[in-house]
C-alpha atoms as a PDB file:
ATOM      1  CA  MET A   1       0.088  -0.333   0.116  1.00  0.00           C
ATOM      2  CA  THR A   2       1.674   3.142  -0.757  1.00  0.00           C
ATOM      3  CA  LYS A   3       1.245   6.602   1.900  1.00  0.00           C
ATOM      4  CA  PHE A   4      -1.425   8.001   2.280  1.00  0.00           C
ATOM      5  CA  THR A   5       0.133  11.949   1.569  1.00  0.00           C
ATOM      6  CA  LYS A   6      -2.139  14.594   3.245  1.00  0.00           C
ATOM      7  CA  HIS A   7      -3.154  15.677  -0.136  1.00  0.00           C
ATOM      8  CA  GLN A   8      -4.776  13.120  -0.769  1.00  0.00           C
ATOM      9  CA  TYR A   9      -6.573  13.254   2.808  1.00  0.00           C
ATOM     10  CA  LEU A  10      -7.387  16.519   2.715  1.00  0.00           C
ATOM     11  CA  ALA A  11      -9.080  15.844  -0.902  1.00  0.00           C
ATOM     12  CA  ALA A  12     -10.557  12.197   0.403  1.00  0.00           C
ATOM     13  CA  ILE A  13     -12.109  14.530   3.522  1.00  0.00           C
ATOM     14  CA  ALA A  14     -13.507  17.929   1.251  1.00  0.00           C
ATOM     15  CA  ALA A  15     -15.173  15.023  -0.993  1.00  0.00           C
ATOM     16  CA  ASN A  16     -16.914  13.216   1.862  1.00  0.00           C
ATOM     17  CA  GLU A  17     -17.827  16.079   3.177  1.00  0.00           C
ATOM     18  CA  ALA A  18     -19.446  17.855   0.273  1.00  0.00           C
ATOM     19  CA  ALA A  19     -21.549  14.306  -0.730  1.00  0.00           C
ATOM     20  CA  ILE A  20     -22.343  14.106   2.914  1.00  0.00           C
ATOM     21  CA  GLU A  21     -23.776  17.994   2.644  1.00  0.00           C
ATOM     22  CA  ALA A  22     -25.795  16.907  -0.562  1.00  0.00           C
ATOM     23  CA  VAL A  23     -27.081  14.266   1.330  1.00  0.00           C
ATOM     24  CA  LYS A  24     -28.960  16.054   4.549  1.00  0.00           C
ATOM     25  CA  ALA A  25     -29.915  18.817   1.804  1.00  0.00           C
ATOM     26  CA  GLU A  26     -31.438  15.995  -0.561  1.00  0.00           C
ATOM     27  CA  LEU A  27     -32.922  15.429   3.689  1.00  0.00           C
ATOM     28  CA  SER A  28     -33.753  18.500   4.338  1.00  0.00           C
ATOM     29  CA  ASP A  29     -36.059  18.366   1.090  1.00  0.00           C
ATOM     30  CA  TYR A  30     -38.092  15.257   2.127  1.00  0.00           C
ATOM     31  CA  ASN A  31     -38.295  16.194   5.564  1.00  0.00           C
ATOM     32  CA  GLY A  32     -39.754  19.870   4.479  1.00  0.00           C
ATOM     33  CA  ARG A  33     -41.924  18.355   1.441  1.00  0.00           C
ATOM     34  CA  ALA A  34     -43.207  16.096   4.541  1.00  0.00           C
ATOM     35  CA  GLU A  35     -43.670  19.041   6.824  1.00  0.00           C
ATOM     36  CA  ALA A  36     -45.751  20.919   4.008  1.00  0.00           C
ATOM     37  CA  GLY A  37     -48.069  18.319   4.080  1.00  0.00           C
ATOM     38  CA  GLU A  38     -46.791  16.066   0.826  1.00  0.00           C
ATOM     39  CA  LYS A  39     -48.573  12.966   1.757  1.00  0.00           C
ATOM     40  CA  ILE A  40     -45.487  10.386   1.354  1.00  0.00           C
ATOM     41  CA  THR A  41     -45.488   7.612  -0.881  1.00  0.00           C
ATOM     42  CA  GLU A  42     -44.187   4.509  -1.168  1.00  0.00           C
ATOM     43  CA  ALA A  43     -41.793   5.899  -3.668  1.00  0.00           C
ATOM     44  CA  LEU A  44     -41.033   9.142  -1.696  1.00  0.00           C
ATOM     45  CA  SER A  45     -40.316   6.619   1.627  1.00  0.00           C
ATOM     46  CA  GLU A  46     -37.914   4.707  -0.358  1.00  0.00           C
ATOM     47  CA  ALA A  47     -35.776   7.286  -1.651  1.00  0.00           C
ATOM     48  CA  TRP A  48     -35.896   9.011   2.177  1.00  0.00           C
ATOM     49  CA  ASN A  49     -34.426   5.765   3.360  1.00  0.00           C
ATOM     50  CA  ALA A  50     -32.253   5.641   0.451  1.00  0.00           C
ATOM     51  CA  ALA A  51     -31.295   9.164   1.315  1.00  0.00           C
ATOM     52  CA  HIS A  52     -30.165   8.190   4.567  1.00  0.00           C
ATOM     53  CA  ASP A  53     -28.642   4.368   3.566  1.00  0.00           C
ATOM     54  CA  ARG A  54     -26.004   7.231   1.393  1.00  0.00           C
ATOM     55  CA  GLU A  55     -25.453   9.619   4.407  1.00  0.00           C
ATOM     56  CA  TRP A  56     -24.746   6.398   6.345  1.00  0.00           C
ATOM     57  CA  ALA A  57     -22.640   4.640   3.983  1.00  0.00           C
ATOM     58  CA  LEU A  58     -20.048   8.250   3.957  1.00  0.00           C
ATOM     59  CA  GLU A  59     -20.297   8.826   7.484  1.00  0.00           C
ATOM     60  CA  GLN A  60     -18.400   5.177   7.853  1.00  0.00           C
ATOM     61  CA  GLU A  61     -16.193   6.613   4.315  1.00  0.00           C
ATOM     62  CA  ARG A  62     -14.960   9.235   7.050  1.00  0.00           C
ATOM     63  CA  PHE A  63     -14.008   6.567   9.611  1.00  0.00           C
ATOM     64  CA  ASP A  64     -12.168   5.192   6.838  1.00  0.00           C
ATOM     65  CA  ILE A  65     -10.682   8.125   5.611  1.00  0.00           C
ATOM     66  CA  GLU A  66      -9.472   9.458   9.458  1.00  0.00           C
ATOM     67  CA  ARG A  67      -8.272   4.889  10.698  1.00  0.00           C
ATOM     68  CA  ARG A  68      -6.290   5.280   6.929  1.00  0.00           C
ATOM     69  CA  TRP A  69      -4.708   8.452   8.192  1.00  0.00           C
ATOM     70  CA  THR A  70      -4.307   7.660  11.529  1.00  0.00           C
ATOM     71  CA  GLN A  71      -2.601   4.684  10.713  1.00  0.00           C
ATOM     72  CA  ARG A  72       0.027   5.544   7.976  1.00  0.00           C
ATOM     73  CA  ASN A  73       2.365   5.163   9.265  1.00  0.00           C
ATOM     74  CA  TRP A  74       1.937   1.728  11.472  1.00  0.00           C
ATOM     75  CA  THR A  75       4.067  -1.031  11.016  1.00  0.00           C
ATOM     76  CA  GLY A  76       3.635  -4.628  11.379  1.00  0.00           C
ATOM     77  CA  ALA A  77       3.971  -4.946  15.071  1.00  0.00           C
ATOM     78  CA  ASP A  78       1.848  -1.349  15.957  1.00  0.00           C
ATOM     79  CA  TYR A  79      -1.361  -4.044  14.125  1.00  0.00           C
ATOM     80  CA  ALA A  80      -0.033  -6.898  16.132  1.00  0.00           C
ATOM     81  CA  PHE A  81      -0.001  -4.809  19.340  1.00  0.00           C
ATOM     82  CA  ALA A  82      -2.945  -3.094  19.139  1.00  0.00           C
ATOM     83  CA  GLU A  83      -4.605  -6.705  17.847  1.00  0.00           C
ATOM     84  CA  LEU A  84      -2.661  -7.693  20.919  1.00  0.00           C
ATOM     85  CA  VAL A  85      -4.148  -5.251  23.297  1.00  0.00           C
ATOM     86  CA  SER A  86      -7.853  -5.503  22.269  1.00  0.00           C
ATOM     87  CA  ALA A  87      -7.699  -9.522  22.901  1.00  0.00           C
ATOM     88  CA  ASN A  88      -6.964  -8.578  26.587  1.00  0.00           C
ATOM     89  CA  ILE A  89      -9.312  -6.183  27.272  1.00  0.00           C
ATOM     90  CA  ASP A  90     -11.523  -8.030  29.840  1.00  0.00           C
END
C-alpha cells in the first residue's frame, strides 16, 4: 500500500464532506416536503430511506479515511500490538 499523503487526505475529506452535505440537503428537502403536507408515497419513502443509507455509508467512509490517515505510518508491529491489547481487554 502506498503512503497516504496529507494532500490525498485533505482531498478525500473535502469530497466526503461535500457528499454528506448534499445528502443532508436532500434529507432536509424530504423533511420539508413532509412538513408541508405532501403525502408520503412509497416512492418518496424509498428515496428518503435510500438517502439515509447513503448518509450512513458516507459517515462510515469518513471513519475509514480518518483511520487510514491516523494509521498511515503503522508497521506490522503496531498492528500486532493493537490486536494484542484489544484481545486482552476484559
